[in-house]
């Protein structure tokens, strides 16, 4: 059995679904950030899979975009964790339902 494009797409779809489920169901801000990371990794996996198995194979753009995606994910994690720490210092919790005072 050979591994083809459909296998990568199924794994990416599972990663995306798990990330979306995590973002929707978690009340903890760190859990939500982890869900966003899963969604970004699913997109990166799609880029690499289509670069390898797509109609125009061996295109470097399919491998360069995930590098930028990883950089964006690292920056998002750093900024997101800084925001979580600031919220924890002000409210004493990182529960997203307790921080609804930000809307007012």
N, C-alpha and C. Protein backbone atom coordinates (compact mmCIF):
# COMPACT_ATOMS: atom_id res chain seq x y z
N UNK A 1 0.84 -1.19 0.00
CA UNK A 1 0.00 0.00 0.00
C UNK A 1 0.89 1.25 0.00
N UNK A 2 0.61 2.15 -0.90
CA UNK A 2 1.36 3.39 -0.96
C UNK A 2 0.54 4.52 -0.35
N UNK A 3 1.24 5.46 0.20
CA UNK A 3 0.60 6.62 0.80
C UNK A 3 0.41 7.66 -0.30
N UNK A 4 -0.82 8.10 -0.47
CA UNK A 4 -1.14 9.06 -1.51
C UNK A 4 -1.70 10.35 -0.94
N UNK A 5 -2.15 11.19 -1.85
CA UNK A 5 -2.69 12.48 -1.48
C UNK A 5 -3.90 12.36 -0.57
N UNK A 6 -4.77 11.40 -0.85
CA UNK A 6 -6.00 11.26 -0.06
C UNK A 6 -5.69 10.96 1.40
N UNK A 7 -4.61 10.23 1.67
CA UNK A 7 -4.24 9.93 3.05
C UNK A 7 -3.85 11.19 3.80
N UNK A 8 -3.07 12.03 3.14
CA UNK A 8 -2.68 13.29 3.77
C UNK A 8 -3.88 14.20 3.99
N UNK A 9 -4.79 14.23 3.02
CA UNK A 9 -5.96 15.07 3.16
C UNK A 9 -6.87 14.60 4.29
N UNK A 10 -6.96 13.29 4.47
CA UNK A 10 -7.77 12.76 5.58
C UNK A 10 -7.14 13.13 6.92
N UNK A 11 -5.84 12.99 7.03
CA UNK A 11 -5.17 13.38 8.28
C UNK A 11 -5.33 14.87 8.54
N UNK A 12 -5.20 15.69 7.50
CA UNK A 12 -5.37 17.14 7.66
C UNK A 12 -6.81 17.48 8.06
N UNK A 13 -7.79 16.77 7.49
CA UNK A 13 -9.18 17.02 7.85
C UNK A 13 -9.44 16.64 9.30
N UNK A 14 -8.84 15.54 9.75
CA UNK A 14 -8.99 15.15 11.15
C UNK A 14 -8.35 16.18 12.07
N UNK A 15 -7.15 16.66 11.71
CA UNK A 15 -6.50 17.70 12.50
C UNK A 15 -7.34 18.97 12.56
N UNK A 16 -7.89 19.35 11.41
CA UNK A 16 -8.72 20.56 11.37
C UNK A 16 -9.97 20.39 12.23
N UNK A 17 -10.61 19.22 12.13
CA UNK A 17 -11.82 18.98 12.91
C UNK A 17 -11.52 18.99 14.41
N UNK A 18 -10.42 18.37 14.80
CA UNK A 18 -10.05 18.38 16.22
C UNK A 18 -9.73 19.79 16.70
N UNK A 19 -9.04 20.57 15.86
CA UNK A 19 -8.73 21.95 16.22
C UNK A 19 -9.98 22.80 16.33
N UNK A 20 -10.90 22.62 15.40
CA UNK A 20 -12.15 23.39 15.44
C UNK A 20 -12.97 23.01 16.67
N UNK A 21 -13.04 21.72 16.95
CA UNK A 21 -13.77 21.25 18.13
C UNK A 21 -13.15 21.82 19.41
N UNK A 22 -11.82 21.87 19.45
CA UNK A 22 -11.13 22.41 20.62
C UNK A 22 -11.42 23.90 20.78
N UNK A 23 -11.39 24.64 19.70
CA UNK A 23 -11.67 26.08 19.78
C UNK A 23 -13.10 26.34 20.23
N UNK A 24 -14.04 25.57 19.74
CA UNK A 24 -15.45 25.80 20.05
C UNK A 24 -15.79 25.39 21.48
N UNK A 25 -15.21 24.31 21.98
CA UNK A 25 -15.65 23.76 23.25
C UNK A 25 -14.84 24.23 24.46
N UNK A 26 -13.64 24.70 24.29
CA UNK A 26 -12.81 25.06 25.44
C UNK A 26 -13.20 26.42 26.00
N UNK A 27 -13.14 26.52 27.32
CA UNK A 27 -13.34 27.80 27.99
C UNK A 27 -12.00 28.40 28.41
N UNK A 28 -10.98 27.57 28.43
CA UNK A 28 -9.65 27.99 28.82
C UNK A 28 -8.95 28.63 27.63
N UNK A 29 -8.33 29.78 27.83
CA UNK A 29 -7.69 30.49 26.72
C UNK A 29 -6.51 29.71 26.15
N UNK A 30 -5.79 29.00 26.99
CA UNK A 30 -4.65 28.21 26.50
C UNK A 30 -5.16 27.07 25.62
N UNK A 31 -6.27 26.45 25.99
CA UNK A 31 -6.86 25.39 25.17
C UNK A 31 -7.31 25.91 23.82
N UNK A 32 -7.85 27.11 23.80
CA UNK A 32 -8.26 27.72 22.53
C UNK A 32 -7.04 27.96 21.64
N UNK A 33 -5.95 28.44 22.22
CA UNK A 33 -4.72 28.64 21.44
C UNK A 33 -4.19 27.33 20.88
N UNK A 34 -4.31 26.25 21.64
CA UNK A 34 -3.87 24.94 21.14
C UNK A 34 -4.73 24.50 19.97
N UNK A 35 -6.03 24.79 20.01
CA UNK A 35 -6.91 24.46 18.89
C UNK A 35 -6.54 25.23 17.63
N UNK A 36 -6.20 26.50 17.80
CA UNK A 36 -5.78 27.31 16.65
C UNK A 36 -4.49 26.76 16.06
N UNK A 37 -3.59 26.29 16.90
CA UNK A 37 -2.35 25.68 16.41
C UNK A 37 -2.65 24.42 15.59
N UNK A 38 -3.61 23.61 16.03
CA UNK A 38 -3.97 22.42 15.26
C UNK A 38 -4.53 22.80 13.89
N UNK A 39 -5.33 23.84 13.84
CA UNK A 39 -5.89 24.29 12.56
C UNK A 39 -4.78 24.77 11.63
N UNK A 40 -3.83 25.52 12.15
CA UNK A 40 -2.70 25.97 11.33
C UNK A 40 -1.86 24.80 10.83
N UNK A 41 -1.67 23.80 11.68
CA UNK A 41 -0.90 22.63 11.25
C UNK A 41 -1.64 21.84 10.17
N UNK A 42 -2.95 21.79 10.23
CA UNK A 42 -3.73 21.13 9.17
C UNK A 42 -3.54 21.85 7.84
N UNK A 43 -3.54 23.17 7.88
CA UNK A 43 -3.32 23.94 6.65
C UNK A 43 -1.92 23.71 6.10
N UNK A 44 -0.92 23.67 6.99
CA UNK A 44 0.46 23.42 6.55
C UNK A 44 0.59 22.03 5.93
N UNK A 45 -0.07 21.05 6.52
CA UNK A 45 -0.03 19.69 5.96
C UNK A 45 -0.65 19.66 4.57
N UNK A 46 -1.72 20.40 4.36
CA UNK A 46 -2.33 20.48 3.02
C UNK A 46 -1.38 21.11 2.01
N UNK A 47 -0.69 22.17 2.40
CA UNK A 47 0.27 22.81 1.50
C UNK A 47 1.35 21.82 1.06
N UNK A 48 1.91 21.10 2.01
CA UNK A 48 2.99 20.17 1.69
C UNK A 48 2.46 19.00 0.84
N UNK A 49 1.27 18.51 1.17
CA UNK A 49 0.71 17.38 0.42
C UNK A 49 0.43 17.77 -1.03
N UNK A 50 -0.16 18.95 -1.22
CA UNK A 50 -0.44 19.37 -2.59
C UNK A 50 0.84 19.70 -3.35
N UNK A 51 1.87 20.13 -2.63
CA UNK A 51 3.16 20.37 -3.28
C UNK A 51 3.75 19.06 -3.78
N UNK A 52 3.56 18.01 -3.00
CA UNK A 52 4.15 16.72 -3.36
C UNK A 52 3.32 15.96 -4.38
N UNK A 53 2.00 15.94 -4.21
CA UNK A 53 1.15 15.09 -5.04
C UNK A 53 0.25 15.87 -6.00
N UNK A 54 0.35 17.18 -6.02
CA UNK A 54 -0.54 17.97 -6.87
C UNK A 54 -0.21 17.85 -8.35
N UNK A 55 -0.99 18.56 -9.16
CA UNK A 55 -0.79 18.51 -10.60
C UNK A 55 0.57 19.07 -11.01
N UNK A 56 1.01 20.09 -10.30
CA UNK A 56 2.33 20.67 -10.55
C UNK A 56 3.20 20.27 -9.37
N UNK A 57 3.81 19.11 -9.44
CA UNK A 57 4.60 18.59 -8.32
C UNK A 57 5.94 19.31 -8.24
N UNK A 58 6.57 19.21 -7.09
CA UNK A 58 7.89 19.78 -6.82
C UNK A 58 7.91 21.30 -6.90
N UNK A 59 6.83 21.91 -6.55
CA UNK A 59 6.79 23.37 -6.50
C UNK A 59 7.25 23.79 -5.11
N UNK A 60 8.23 24.66 -5.04
CA UNK A 60 8.78 25.05 -3.74
C UNK A 60 7.81 25.89 -2.93
N UNK A 61 6.83 26.51 -3.56
CA UNK A 61 5.88 27.34 -2.82
C UNK A 61 5.10 26.51 -1.81
N UNK A 62 4.82 25.27 -2.14
CA UNK A 62 4.11 24.40 -1.23
C UNK A 62 4.93 24.04 -0.01
N UNK A 63 6.23 24.24 -0.08
CA UNK A 63 7.08 23.98 1.07
C UNK A 63 7.53 25.26 1.76
N UNK A 64 7.44 26.38 1.06
CA UNK A 64 7.82 27.66 1.66
C UNK A 64 6.67 28.20 2.50
N UNK A 65 5.43 28.05 2.04
CA UNK A 65 4.29 28.54 2.80
C UNK A 65 4.19 27.92 4.19
N UNK A 66 4.43 26.63 4.37
CA UNK A 66 4.41 26.09 5.74
C UNK A 66 5.48 26.68 6.65
N UNK A 67 6.62 27.06 6.10
CA UNK A 67 7.64 27.71 6.93
C UNK A 67 7.10 29.04 7.44
N UNK A 68 6.45 29.81 6.58
CA UNK A 68 5.83 31.04 7.03
C UNK A 68 4.69 30.75 8.00
N UNK A 69 3.97 29.68 7.77
CA UNK A 69 2.89 29.29 8.68
C UNK A 69 3.42 28.95 10.06
N UNK A 70 4.56 28.28 10.11
CA UNK A 70 5.17 27.96 11.40
C UNK A 70 5.63 29.23 12.10
N UNK A 71 6.17 30.18 11.33
CA UNK A 71 6.58 31.45 11.93
C UNK A 71 5.37 32.21 12.47
N UNK A 72 4.28 32.22 11.73
CA UNK A 72 3.06 32.89 12.20
C UNK A 72 2.53 32.19 13.45
N UNK A 73 2.59 30.86 13.47
CA UNK A 73 2.12 30.12 14.64
C UNK A 73 2.97 30.43 15.87
N UNK A 74 4.27 30.56 15.68
CA UNK A 74 5.14 30.90 16.81
C UNK A 74 4.85 32.31 17.33
N UNK A 75 4.66 33.25 16.41
CA UNK A 75 4.33 34.61 16.82
C UNK A 75 2.96 34.65 17.50
N UNK A 76 2.01 33.89 16.96
CA UNK A 76 0.67 33.84 17.57
C UNK A 76 0.73 33.25 18.96
N UNK A 77 1.55 32.24 19.15
CA UNK A 77 1.68 31.63 20.48
C UNK A 77 2.31 32.61 21.47
N UNK A 78 3.32 33.34 21.04
CA UNK A 78 3.98 34.29 21.93
C UNK A 78 3.03 35.43 22.31
N UNK A 79 2.35 36.00 21.33
CA UNK A 79 1.41 37.09 21.61
C UNK A 79 0.22 36.58 22.41
N UNK A 80 -0.29 35.42 22.04
CA UNK A 80 -1.43 34.85 22.75
C UNK A 80 -1.12 34.55 24.20
N UNK A 81 0.05 33.98 24.47
CA UNK A 81 0.42 33.71 25.85
C UNK A 81 0.66 34.99 26.64
N UNK A 82 1.16 36.03 26.00
CA UNK A 82 1.32 37.32 26.68
C UNK A 82 -0.05 37.89 27.05
N UNK A 83 -1.02 37.76 26.16
CA UNK A 83 -2.38 38.22 26.46
C UNK A 83 -2.98 37.39 27.59
N UNK A 84 -2.75 36.08 27.57
CA UNK A 84 -3.27 35.21 28.64
C UNK A 84 -2.67 35.60 29.98
N UNK A 85 -1.37 35.89 30.02
CA UNK A 85 -0.74 36.31 31.27
C UNK A 85 -1.31 37.64 31.76
N UNK A 86 -1.57 38.57 30.84
CA UNK A 86 -2.15 39.85 31.25
C UNK A 86 -3.56 39.66 31.78
N UNK A 87 -4.34 38.79 31.16
CA UNK A 87 -5.69 38.51 31.64
C UNK A 87 -5.63 37.85 33.02
N UNK A 88 -4.70 36.94 33.22
CA UNK A 88 -4.57 36.27 34.51
C UNK A 88 -4.17 37.25 35.61
N UNK A 89 -3.32 38.22 35.28
CA UNK A 89 -2.92 39.21 36.28
C UNK A 89 -4.09 40.10 36.67
N UNK A 90 -4.97 40.42 35.72
CA UNK A 90 -6.09 41.33 36.01
C UNK A 90 -7.26 40.62 36.68
N UNK A 91 -7.61 39.41 36.22
CA UNK A 91 -8.81 38.73 36.71
C UNK A 91 -8.52 37.53 37.59
N UNK A 92 -7.31 37.03 37.62
CA UNK A 92 -6.98 35.88 38.43
C UNK A 92 -7.43 34.56 37.84
N UNK A 93 -7.89 34.56 36.60
CA UNK A 93 -8.33 33.35 35.93
C UNK A 93 -8.16 33.54 34.43
N UNK A 94 -8.01 32.42 33.72
CA UNK A 94 -7.93 32.51 32.26
C UNK A 94 -9.18 31.93 31.62
N UNK A 95 -10.23 31.79 32.41
CA UNK A 95 -11.51 31.32 31.88
C UNK A 95 -12.10 32.41 30.98
N UNK A 96 -12.42 32.06 29.75
CA UNK A 96 -12.88 33.07 28.80
C UNK A 96 -14.26 33.61 29.14
N UNK A 97 -15.07 32.87 29.87
CA UNK A 97 -16.38 33.39 30.25
C UNK A 97 -16.29 34.39 31.38
N UNK A 98 -15.26 34.34 32.18
CA UNK A 98 -15.10 35.31 33.27
C UNK A 98 -14.54 36.64 32.78
N UNK A 99 -14.00 36.67 31.59
CA UNK A 99 -13.39 37.91 31.08
C UNK A 99 -14.32 38.66 30.14
N UNK A 100 -15.61 38.51 30.31
CA UNK A 100 -16.55 39.23 29.45
C UNK A 100 -16.60 40.72 29.78
N UNK A 101 -15.94 41.14 30.86
CA UNK A 101 -15.90 42.55 31.20
C UNK A 101 -15.11 43.34 30.17
N UNK A 102 -14.33 42.69 29.34
CA UNK A 102 -13.60 43.37 28.29
C UNK A 102 -14.52 44.01 27.26
N UNK A 103 -15.72 43.49 27.14
CA UNK A 103 -16.67 44.01 26.14
C UNK A 103 -17.24 45.37 26.56
N UNK A 104 -17.21 45.67 27.82
CA UNK A 104 -17.84 46.90 28.31
C UNK A 104 -16.90 48.05 28.35
